[in-house]
Amino acid sequence: MEPREVLGRYRQAMLDKSPDDLAELYADDGVHEFPFRFPGVPKRLEGREAVRAGYRTMWDAMPVRATSIREVAVHETTDPQVIIAEQVVLAGPEGAEPGEVPGLLVIRVREGRIVHVRDYLDNSAAAALTH
């Protein structure tokens, strides 16, 4: 898969709240980093199984679900393995009006699998979804 296709599947896994679908996009030794800390979220997940377990734990603990993802821009870089996505995730608790969580993903794909993600999101907007 090319980086844009991986990005599309990544987003679908987020919408489906499927840690299994998300983890299957990663290389065995893929890394997912959260440079902007959020309570209850680790700074780094190392390996496909850590991504699976980490997202399962995070999503099970959050009463929030993404309802859509609005693409702001996708930037291709001089490195064909790297794609940068600006996006706004619309999310909220079941039955509530969704709020907006702006974010930026820097994704490196090698041989069709994610090897590294830096996941930047507006933590204050994310925290507001549960209050």
Protein backbone atom coordinates (compact mmCIF):
# COMPACT_ATOMS: atom_id res chain seq x y z
CA MET A 1 0.00 0.00 0.00
CA GLU A 2 1.06 3.54 -0.68
CA PRO A 3 0.98 6.13 2.15
CA ARG A 4 -2.33 7.68 0.99
CA GLU A 5 -4.05 4.29 1.00
CA VAL A 6 -2.63 3.55 4.45
CA LEU A 7 -3.94 6.93 5.65
CA GLY A 8 -7.42 6.08 4.37
CA ARG A 9 -7.42 2.73 6.15
CA TYR A 10 -6.00 4.35 9.29
CA ARG A 11 -8.89 6.80 9.32
CA GLN A 12 -11.44 4.03 8.77
CA ALA A 13 -10.03 2.06 11.71
CA MET A 14 -10.41 5.21 13.83
CA LEU A 15 -14.03 5.64 12.73
CA ASP A 16 -14.72 1.95 13.39
CA LYS A 17 -12.92 2.22 16.75
CA SER A 18 -11.11 -1.00 15.77
CA PRO A 19 -7.76 -1.54 17.46
CA ASP A 20 -7.32 -4.72 15.43
CA ASP A 21 -7.79 -3.01 12.05
CA LEU A 22 -5.50 -0.19 13.16
CA ALA A 23 -2.76 -2.52 14.43
CA GLU A 24 -2.77 -4.55 11.22
CA LEU A 25 -1.59 -1.43 9.35
CA TYR A 26 1.66 -1.42 11.36
CA ALA A 27 4.92 -3.25 10.77
CA ASP A 28 5.80 -5.71 13.54
CA ASP A 29 8.18 -3.11 15.00
CA GLY A 30 6.13 -0.01 14.09
CA VAL A 31 6.10 2.91 16.51
CA HIS A 32 3.27 5.29 17.38
CA GLU A 33 4.20 8.44 19.30
CA PHE A 34 2.04 11.07 21.00
CA PRO A 35 4.35 14.11 21.33
CA PHE A 36 1.61 16.16 23.06
CA ARG A 37 0.75 14.25 26.23
CA PHE A 38 -2.83 13.45 27.19
CA PRO A 39 -3.84 11.92 30.53
CA GLY A 40 -4.05 8.15 30.31
CA VAL A 41 -2.25 7.99 26.96
CA PRO A 42 1.30 6.65 26.82
CA LYS A 43 3.99 8.73 25.18
CA ARG A 44 4.96 5.90 22.83
CA LEU A 45 3.67 2.53 21.65
CA GLU A 46 6.40 0.23 20.30
CA GLY A 47 5.41 -2.68 18.09
CA ARG A 48 2.18 -3.78 16.39
CA GLU A 49 0.92 -5.60 19.48
CA ALA A 50 1.58 -2.59 21.70
CA VAL A 51 -0.43 -0.46 19.25
CA ARG A 52 -3.26 -3.00 19.37
CA ALA A 53 -3.25 -3.23 23.19
CA GLY A 54 -2.71 0.51 23.70
CA TYR A 55 -5.58 1.56 21.45
CA ARG A 56 -7.86 -1.15 22.88
CA THR A 57 -7.21 0.19 26.38
CA MET A 58 -7.60 3.85 25.36
CA TRP A 59 -10.76 3.32 23.31
CA ASP A 60 -12.37 1.06 25.92
CA ALA A 61 -11.77 3.77 28.54
CA MET A 62 -13.19 6.61 26.42
CA PRO A 63 -16.95 7.08 26.06
CA VAL A 64 -16.22 9.03 22.86
CA ARG A 65 -16.49 7.86 19.26
CA ALA A 66 -15.28 9.58 16.09
CA THR A 67 -18.18 10.20 13.73
CA SER A 68 -16.23 11.66 10.82
CA ILE A 69 -12.81 12.94 9.86
CA ARG A 70 -12.55 16.11 7.82
CA GLU A 71 -9.37 16.31 5.78
CA VAL A 72 -7.83 19.77 5.88
CA ALA A 73 -4.79 18.92 3.75
CA VAL A 74 -2.48 16.04 2.90
CA HIS A 75 1.13 16.93 2.22
CA GLU A 76 3.41 14.64 0.30
CA THR A 77 7.04 15.14 1.20
CA THR A 78 10.32 14.75 -0.65
CA ASP A 79 10.52 11.36 1.06
CA PRO A 80 7.97 9.10 -0.72
CA GLN A 81 7.52 7.05 2.46
CA VAL A 82 6.27 10.03 4.48
CA ILE A 83 2.87 11.70 4.34
CA ILE A 84 1.57 14.50 6.57
CA ALA A 85 -2.16 14.79 7.16
CA GLU A 86 -3.92 17.79 8.67
CA GLN A 87 -7.38 16.80 9.83
CA VAL A 88 -10.27 17.54 12.14
CA VAL A 89 -11.91 14.61 13.90
CA LEU A 90 -15.56 15.09 14.80
CA ALA A 91 -16.27 13.03 17.90
CA GLY A 92 -18.36 12.82 21.03
CA PRO A 93 -20.18 10.56 23.45
CA GLU A 94 -23.03 8.46 22.05
CA GLY A 95 -26.06 10.67 21.38
CA ALA A 96 -24.21 13.94 21.99
CA GLU A 97 -23.38 16.63 19.47
CA PRO A 98 -19.85 15.90 18.21
CA GLY A 99 -17.04 18.32 18.92
CA GLU A 100 -14.01 19.08 16.77
CA VAL A 101 -10.51 17.83 17.55
CA PRO A 102 -7.89 19.23 15.17
CA GLY A 103 -4.82 17.11 14.61
CA LEU A 104 -1.81 16.37 12.51
CA LEU A 105 -0.39 12.95 11.60
CA VAL A 106 3.10 12.34 10.29
CA ILE A 107 3.12 8.79 8.93
CA ARG A 108 6.06 6.82 7.54
CA VAL A 109 5.13 3.76 5.47
CA ARG A 110 7.62 1.14 4.34
CA GLU A 111 6.63 -1.88 2.24
CA GLY A 112 2.94 -1.07 2.75
CA ARG A 113 3.09 -0.94 6.56
CA ILE A 114 3.31 1.90 9.04
CA VAL A 115 6.75 2.02 10.62
CA HIS A 116 6.33 5.32 12.46
CA VAL A 117 3.55 7.75 13.38
CA ARG A 118 3.80 11.05 15.20
CA ASP A 119 0.25 11.85 16.29
CA TYR A 120 -0.35 15.47 17.28
CA LEU A 121 -3.82 16.41 18.49
CA ASP A 122 -5.45 19.27 20.31
CA ASN A 123 -5.62 17.75 23.77
CA SER A 124 -7.80 20.49 25.25
CA ALA A 125 -10.40 19.91 22.50
CA ALA A 126 -10.21 16.15 23.10
CA ALA A 127 -10.66 16.59 26.86
CA ALA A 128 -13.67 18.85 26.31
CA LEU A 129 -15.50 16.02 24.54
CA THR A 130 -15.97 14.13 27.79
CA HIS A 131 -17.09 17.08 29.93
